[in-house]
């Protein structure tokens, strides 16, 4: 089993990485492979709602000049997803939001039904709002959201300070243990047979 972890920070070894790495190390102890990929500092386009990925049917975003399709393809051989982000103005990093929206829309079949979790890293406030934003897309694709002993939040401002957040690091380890539990409990189990989706609009 394998978990894909996305570091939504532009800082490769900053506090978001420390949180995800703590999680990854615990996953390894549970016998589960973990891969951390970083959004980096290069631009990531936002979705322009062209629906080319749907009409073309190849599960790839039409824009192939950033990391979206590369990261999205990794979910084909991953069993779960964790997305970590620093908190900017009470929200996740805009880069990682663009990445999530395009990946889940263009390649939803690779994500559908797989356990997921968001992780928010902040200096002081806004973490719960950012965490909710990270978790919202997962609910559209039947992705069970994995929790911990507390909200999946780690605190730290300067690089390295997250390691001093003892409760935050413990929360990451507990999250990894719960992720391992969910993966083992569902491995090999048949997915539910869902009803055909009935999408409605409020404007008639």
C-alpha atoms as a PDB file:
ATOM      1  CA  UNK A   1       0.000   0.000   0.000  1.00  0.00           C
ATOM      2  CA  UNK A   2       1.121   3.525  -0.744  1.00  0.00           C
ATOM      3  CA  UNK A   3       0.120   7.028   0.339  1.00  0.00           C
ATOM      4  CA  UNK A   4       0.834  10.072  -1.807  1.00  0.00           C
ATOM      5  CA  UNK A   5       1.590  13.193   0.247  1.00  0.00           C
ATOM      6  CA  UNK A   6       1.551  16.612  -1.419  1.00  0.00           C
ATOM      7  CA  UNK A   7       3.607  19.383   0.153  1.00  0.00           C
ATOM      8  CA  UNK A   8       1.708  22.515  -0.779  1.00  0.00           C
ATOM      9  CA  UNK A   9       4.414  24.865   0.449  1.00  0.00           C
ATOM     10  CA  UNK A  10       6.912  26.691  -1.762  1.00  0.00           C
ATOM     11  CA  UNK A  11       9.531  25.898   0.896  1.00  0.00           C
ATOM     12  CA  UNK A  12      10.883  22.424   0.210  1.00  0.00           C
ATOM     13  CA  UNK A  13      11.991  21.708   3.771  1.00  0.00           C
ATOM     14  CA  UNK A  14       9.773  24.108   5.713  1.00  0.00           C
ATOM     15  CA  UNK A  15       7.221  23.406   8.415  1.00  0.00           C
ATOM     16  CA  UNK A  16       4.693  21.780   6.076  1.00  0.00           C
ATOM     17  CA  UNK A  17       7.372  19.309   5.020  1.00  0.00           C
ATOM     18  CA  UNK A  18       8.211  18.587   8.665  1.00  0.00           C
ATOM     19  CA  UNK A  19       4.565  17.773   9.388  1.00  0.00           C
ATOM     20  CA  UNK A  20       4.211  15.525   6.344  1.00  0.00           C
ATOM     21  CA  UNK A  21       7.547  13.848   6.957  1.00  0.00           C
ATOM     22  CA  UNK A  22       6.503  12.973  10.524  1.00  0.00           C
ATOM     23  CA  UNK A  23       3.381  11.401   9.028  1.00  0.00           C
ATOM     24  CA  UNK A  24       5.382   9.598   6.357  1.00  0.00           C
ATOM     25  CA  UNK A  25       7.842   8.125   8.856  1.00  0.00           C
ATOM     26  CA  UNK A  26       4.972   6.720  10.916  1.00  0.00           C
ATOM     27  CA  UNK A  27       3.402   5.250   7.773  1.00  0.00           C
ATOM     28  CA  UNK A  28       6.675   3.479   7.048  1.00  0.00           C
ATOM     29  CA  UNK A  29       6.608   2.010  10.553  1.00  0.00           C
ATOM     30  CA  UNK A  30       3.124   0.738   9.716  1.00  0.00           C
ATOM     31  CA  UNK A  31       4.531  -0.977   6.629  1.00  0.00           C
ATOM     32  CA  UNK A  32       2.988   1.497   4.198  1.00  0.00           C
ATOM     33  CA  UNK A  33       4.988   3.263   1.490  1.00  0.00           C
ATOM     34  CA  UNK A  34       4.870   7.058   1.460  1.00  0.00           C
ATOM     35  CA  UNK A  35       5.923   9.520  -1.233  1.00  0.00           C
ATOM     36  CA  UNK A  36       6.132  13.275  -0.647  1.00  0.00           C
ATOM     37  CA  UNK A  37       5.899  15.530  -3.694  1.00  0.00           C
ATOM     38  CA  UNK A  38       6.210  19.305  -3.521  1.00  0.00           C
ATOM     39  CA  UNK A  39       4.308  21.926  -5.494  1.00  0.00           C
ATOM     40  CA  UNK A  40       7.494  23.974  -5.695  1.00  0.00           C
ATOM     41  CA  UNK A  41       7.817  27.598  -6.737  1.00  0.00           C
ATOM     42  CA  UNK A  42       6.849  27.416 -10.406  1.00  0.00           C
ATOM     43  CA  UNK A  43       3.377  28.619 -11.489  1.00  0.00           C
ATOM     44  CA  UNK A  44       0.447  26.192 -11.456  1.00  0.00           C
ATOM     45  CA  UNK A  45      -2.482  27.216 -13.620  1.00  0.00           C
ATOM     46  CA  UNK A  46      -6.000  27.471 -12.296  1.00  0.00           C
ATOM     47  CA  UNK A  47      -8.832  25.528 -13.912  1.00  0.00           C
ATOM     48  CA  UNK A  48     -10.507  27.462 -16.743  1.00  0.00           C
ATOM     49  CA  UNK A  49     -13.580  25.162 -16.881  1.00  0.00           C
ATOM     50  CA  UNK A  50     -12.955  24.233 -20.520  1.00  0.00           C
ATOM     51  CA  UNK A  51     -13.951  20.562 -19.861  1.00  0.00           C
ATOM     52  CA  UNK A  52     -11.447  19.370 -22.458  1.00  0.00           C
ATOM     53  CA  UNK A  53     -10.372  16.646 -20.014  1.00  0.00           C
ATOM     54  CA  UNK A  54     -13.948  15.310 -20.103  1.00  0.00           C
ATOM     55  CA  UNK A  55     -14.595  15.585 -23.830  1.00  0.00           C
ATOM     56  CA  UNK A  56     -11.196  14.154 -24.702  1.00  0.00           C
ATOM     57  CA  UNK A  57     -11.573  11.401 -22.099  1.00  0.00           C
ATOM     58  CA  UNK A  58      -7.882  10.902 -21.317  1.00  0.00           C
ATOM     59  CA  UNK A  59      -8.021  11.944 -17.646  1.00  0.00           C
ATOM     60  CA  UNK A  60      -5.440  14.687 -18.229  1.00  0.00           C
ATOM     61  CA  UNK A  61      -5.730  18.423 -17.922  1.00  0.00           C
ATOM     62  CA  UNK A  62      -5.385  20.224 -21.251  1.00  0.00           C
ATOM     63  CA  UNK A  63      -2.570  22.316 -19.758  1.00  0.00           C
ATOM     64  CA  UNK A  64       0.566  20.208 -19.701  1.00  0.00           C
ATOM     65  CA  UNK A  65       3.072  22.919 -18.844  1.00  0.00           C
ATOM     66  CA  UNK A  66       3.071  22.525 -15.050  1.00  0.00           C
ATOM     67  CA  UNK A  67       3.098  19.705 -12.478  1.00  0.00           C
ATOM     68  CA  UNK A  68      -0.624  18.891 -12.510  1.00  0.00           C
ATOM     69  CA  UNK A  69      -0.683  15.879 -14.819  1.00  0.00           C
ATOM     70  CA  UNK A  70       2.592  14.546 -13.441  1.00  0.00           C
ATOM     71  CA  UNK A  71       1.347  14.541  -9.847  1.00  0.00           C
ATOM     72  CA  UNK A  72      -2.148  13.394 -10.803  1.00  0.00           C
ATOM     73  CA  UNK A  73      -0.736  10.329 -12.580  1.00  0.00           C
ATOM     74  CA  UNK A  74       0.855   9.197  -9.309  1.00  0.00           C
ATOM     75  CA  UNK A  75      -2.593   8.458  -7.875  1.00  0.00           C
ATOM     76  CA  UNK A  76      -2.987   5.526 -10.240  1.00  0.00           C
ATOM     77  CA  UNK A  77      -0.508   3.607  -8.076  1.00  0.00           C
ATOM     78  CA  UNK A  78      -1.399   5.227  -4.740  1.00  0.00           C
ATOM     79  CA  UNK A  79      -4.044   4.045  -2.290  1.00  0.00           C
ATOM     80  CA  UNK A  80      -4.563   7.274  -0.344  1.00  0.00           C
ATOM     81  CA  UNK A  81      -3.852  10.993  -0.462  1.00  0.00           C
ATOM     82  CA  UNK A  82      -2.672  13.591   2.055  1.00  0.00           C
ATOM     83  CA  UNK A  83      -2.461  17.256   1.100  1.00  0.00           C
ATOM     84  CA  UNK A  84      -0.546  19.595   3.388  1.00  0.00           C
ATOM     85  CA  UNK A  85      -0.441  23.361   3.056  1.00  0.00           C
ATOM     86  CA  UNK A  86       0.724  26.431   4.903  1.00  0.00           C
ATOM     87  CA  UNK A  87      -2.015  28.861   5.873  1.00  0.00           C
ATOM     88  CA  UNK A  88      -2.092  32.111   3.891  1.00  0.00           C
ATOM     89  CA  UNK A  89      -4.752  34.619   4.976  1.00  0.00           C
ATOM     90  CA  UNK A  90      -6.813  31.840   6.545  1.00  0.00           C
ATOM     91  CA  UNK A  91      -6.651  29.741   3.369  1.00  0.00           C
ATOM     92  CA  UNK A  92      -4.399  27.077   1.838  1.00  0.00           C
ATOM     93  CA  UNK A  93      -1.687  28.188  -0.567  1.00  0.00           C
ATOM     94  CA  UNK A  94      -3.346  29.181  -3.856  1.00  0.00           C
ATOM     95  CA  UNK A  95      -0.916  27.005  -5.798  1.00  0.00           C
ATOM     96  CA  UNK A  96      -1.989  23.815  -4.084  1.00  0.00           C
ATOM     97  CA  UNK A  97      -5.662  24.742  -4.432  1.00  0.00           C
ATOM     98  CA  UNK A  98      -5.224  25.109  -8.199  1.00  0.00           C
ATOM     99  CA  UNK A  99      -3.446  21.759  -8.275  1.00  0.00           C
ATOM    100  CA  UNK A 100      -6.150  19.944  -6.292  1.00  0.00           C
ATOM    101  CA  UNK A 101      -9.008  21.380  -8.314  1.00  0.00           C
ATOM    102  CA  UNK A 102      -7.488  20.472 -11.655  1.00  0.00           C
ATOM    103  CA  UNK A 103      -6.330  17.002 -10.585  1.00  0.00           C
ATOM    104  CA  UNK A 104      -9.603  15.915  -9.041  1.00  0.00           C
ATOM    105  CA  UNK A 105     -11.670  17.280 -11.928  1.00  0.00           C
ATOM    106  CA  UNK A 106      -9.559  15.959 -14.800  1.00  0.00           C
ATOM    107  CA  UNK A 107      -8.595  12.630 -13.237  1.00  0.00           C
ATOM    108  CA  UNK A 108     -11.323  12.014 -10.675  1.00  0.00           C
ATOM    109  CA  UNK A 109     -11.467   8.264 -11.303  1.00  0.00           C
ATOM    110  CA  UNK A 110      -7.939   7.854  -9.913  1.00  0.00           C
ATOM    111  CA  UNK A 111      -8.936   9.602  -6.669  1.00  0.00           C
ATOM    112  CA  UNK A 112     -12.509   8.399  -6.231  1.00  0.00           C
ATOM    113  CA  UNK A 113     -13.098   6.400  -3.052  1.00  0.00           C
ATOM    114  CA  UNK A 114      -9.520   6.558  -1.780  1.00  0.00           C
ATOM    115  CA  UNK A 115      -8.941   7.752   1.813  1.00  0.00           C
ATOM    116  CA  UNK A 116      -7.692  11.319   2.098  1.00  0.00           C
ATOM    117  CA  UNK A 117      -6.680  13.926   4.630  1.00  0.00           C
ATOM    118  CA  UNK A 118      -5.770  17.577   4.680  1.00  0.00           C
ATOM    119  CA  UNK A 119      -3.040  19.008   6.912  1.00  0.00           C
ATOM    120  CA  UNK A 120      -2.826  22.720   7.745  1.00  0.00           C
ATOM    121  CA  UNK A 121       0.347  24.362   9.055  1.00  0.00           C
ATOM    122  CA  UNK A 122       0.157  27.869  10.445  1.00  0.00           C
ATOM    123  CA  UNK A 123       1.797  30.492  12.603  1.00  0.00           C
ATOM    124  CA  UNK A 124      -1.242  31.292  14.724  1.00  0.00           C
ATOM    125  CA  UNK A 125      -4.781  31.437  13.257  1.00  0.00           C
ATOM    126  CA  UNK A 126      -6.816  30.416  10.232  1.00  0.00           C
ATOM    127  CA  UNK A 127      -5.825  26.757  10.397  1.00  0.00           C
ATOM    128  CA  UNK A 128      -9.322  25.328  10.854  1.00  0.00           C
ATOM    129  CA  UNK A 129     -10.682  27.328   7.907  1.00  0.00           C
ATOM    130  CA  UNK A 130      -7.770  26.210   5.719  1.00  0.00           C
ATOM    131  CA  UNK A 131      -8.212  22.600   6.826  1.00  0.00           C
ATOM    132  CA  UNK A 132     -11.890  22.664   5.918  1.00  0.00           C
ATOM    133  CA  UNK A 133     -11.042  24.079   2.494  1.00  0.00           C
ATOM    134  CA  UNK A 134      -8.521  21.299   1.894  1.00  0.00           C
ATOM    135  CA  UNK A 135     -11.038  18.605   2.854  1.00  0.00           C
ATOM    136  CA  UNK A 136     -13.993  19.935   0.835  1.00  0.00           C
ATOM    137  CA  UNK A 137     -12.988  18.501  -2.589  1.00  0.00           C
ATOM    138  CA  UNK A 138     -12.492  15.015  -1.130  1.00  0.00           C
ATOM    139  CA  UNK A 139     -16.144  14.794  -0.158  1.00  0.00           C
ATOM    140  CA  UNK A 140     -17.271  15.212  -3.756  1.00  0.00           C
ATOM    141  CA  UNK A 141     -15.365  12.088  -4.814  1.00  0.00           C
ATOM    142  CA  UNK A 142     -16.486   9.699  -2.047  1.00  0.00           C
ATOM    143  CA  UNK A 143     -13.038   9.905  -0.449  1.00  0.00           C
ATOM    144  CA  UNK A 144     -13.213   8.919   3.246  1.00  0.00           C
ATOM    145  CA  UNK A 145     -11.588  11.708   5.265  1.00  0.00           C
ATOM    146  CA  UNK A 146      -9.105  10.374   7.793  1.00  0.00           C
ATOM    147  CA  UNK A 147      -8.928  12.169  11.117  1.00  0.00           C
ATOM    148  CA  UNK A 148      -6.588  12.181  14.091  1.00  0.00           C
ATOM    149  CA  UNK A 149      -6.739  12.824  17.830  1.00  0.00           C
ATOM    150  CA  UNK A 150      -7.188  16.537  17.042  1.00  0.00           C
ATOM    151  CA  UNK A 151      -7.672  18.553  13.890  1.00  0.00           C
ATOM    152  CA  UNK A 152      -4.833  17.882  11.457  1.00  0.00           C
ATOM    153  CA  UNK A 153      -2.996  21.082  12.366  1.00  0.00           C
ATOM    154  CA  UNK A 154       0.655  21.836  13.147  1.00  0.00           C
ATOM    155  CA  UNK A 155       1.977  25.175  14.382  1.00  0.00           C
ATOM    156  CA  UNK A 156       5.216  26.919  13.446  1.00  0.00           C
ATOM    157  CA  UNK A 157       6.359  30.167  11.843  1.00  0.00           C
ATOM    158  CA  UNK A 158      10.101  30.056  11.228  1.00  0.00           C
ATOM    159  CA  UNK A 159      11.545  27.087   9.374  1.00  0.00           C
ATOM    160  CA  UNK A 160      11.943  24.171  11.752  1.00  0.00           C
ATOM    161  CA  UNK A 161       9.603  25.452  14.451  1.00  0.00           C
ATOM    162  CA  UNK A 162       6.950  22.842  13.637  1.00  0.00           C
ATOM    163  CA  UNK A 163       9.247  20.209  15.141  1.00  0.00           C
ATOM    164  CA  UNK A 164       8.758  21.956  18.493  1.00  0.00           C
ATOM    165  CA  UNK A 165       4.982  21.513  18.336  1.00  0.00           C
ATOM    166  CA  UNK A 166       4.867  18.256  20.279  1.00  0.00           C
ATOM    167  CA  UNK A 167       1.091  17.894  20.080  1.00  0.00           C
ATOM    168  CA  UNK A 168       1.116  18.697  16.368  1.00  0.00           C
ATOM    169  CA  UNK A 169       3.742  16.046  15.661  1.00  0.00           C
ATOM    170  CA  UNK A 170       1.798  13.543  17.747  1.00  0.00           C
ATOM    171  CA  UNK A 171      -1.312  14.440  15.768  1.00  0.00           C
ATOM    172  CA  UNK A 172       0.573  13.605  12.559  1.00  0.00           C
ATOM    173  CA  UNK A 173       1.641  10.217  13.934  1.00  0.00           C
ATOM    174  CA  UNK A 174      -1.913   9.447  15.035  1.00  0.00           C
ATOM    175  CA  UNK A 175      -3.162  10.491  11.599  1.00  0.00           C
ATOM    176  CA  UNK A 176      -0.729   8.031  10.021  1.00  0.00           C
ATOM    177  CA  UNK A 177      -1.920   5.257  12.333  1.00  0.00           C
ATOM    178  CA  UNK A 178      -5.547   5.988  11.452  1.00  0.00           C
ATOM    179  CA  UNK A 179      -4.691   6.087   7.744  1.00  0.00           C
ATOM    180  CA  UNK A 180      -3.021   2.688   8.055  1.00  0.00           C
ATOM    181  CA  UNK A 181      -6.066   1.349   9.897  1.00  0.00           C
ATOM    182  CA  UNK A 182      -8.483   2.615   7.247  1.00  0.00           C
ATOM    183  CA  UNK A 183      -6.351   1.234   4.407  1.00  0.00           C
ATOM    184  CA  UNK A 184      -6.103  -2.205   6.009  1.00  0.00           C
ATOM    185  CA  UNK A 185      -9.812  -2.275   6.808  1.00  0.00           C
ATOM    186  CA  UNK A 186     -10.837  -1.421   3.256  1.00  0.00           C
ATOM    187  CA  UNK A 187      -8.121  -3.231   1.281  1.00  0.00           C
ATOM    188  CA  UNK A 188      -9.726  -5.765  -1.022  1.00  0.00           C
ATOM    189  CA  UNK A 189     -13.255  -4.744  -0.028  1.00  0.00           C
ATOM    190  CA  UNK A 190     -15.733  -4.073  -2.845  1.00  0.00           C
ATOM    191  CA  UNK A 191     -16.719  -0.447  -3.348  1.00  0.00           C
ATOM    192  CA  UNK A 192     -20.366   0.509  -2.811  1.00  0.00           C
ATOM    193  CA  UNK A 193     -22.579   0.475  -5.877  1.00  0.00           C
ATOM    194  CA  UNK A 194     -23.713   4.072  -5.973  1.00  0.00           C
ATOM    195  CA  UNK A 195     -26.938   5.331  -7.456  1.00  0.00           C
ATOM    196  CA  UNK A 196     -26.691   7.346 -10.655  1.00  0.00           C
ATOM    197  CA  UNK A 197     -25.917  10.903  -9.643  1.00  0.00           C
ATOM    198  CA  UNK A 198     -28.851  13.290  -9.658  1.00  0.00           C
ATOM    199  CA  UNK A 199     -27.343  16.723 -10.139  1.00  0.00           C
ATOM    200  CA  UNK A 200     -29.725  19.633  -9.705  1.00  0.00           C
ATOM    201  CA  UNK A 201     -29.492  23.374 -10.201  1.00  0.00           C
ATOM    202  CA  UNK A 202     -31.296  25.851  -7.978  1.00  0.00           C
ATOM    203  CA  UNK A 203     -32.041  28.210 -10.859  1.00  0.00           C
ATOM    204  CA  UNK A 204     -34.892  26.981 -13.051  1.00  0.00           C
END
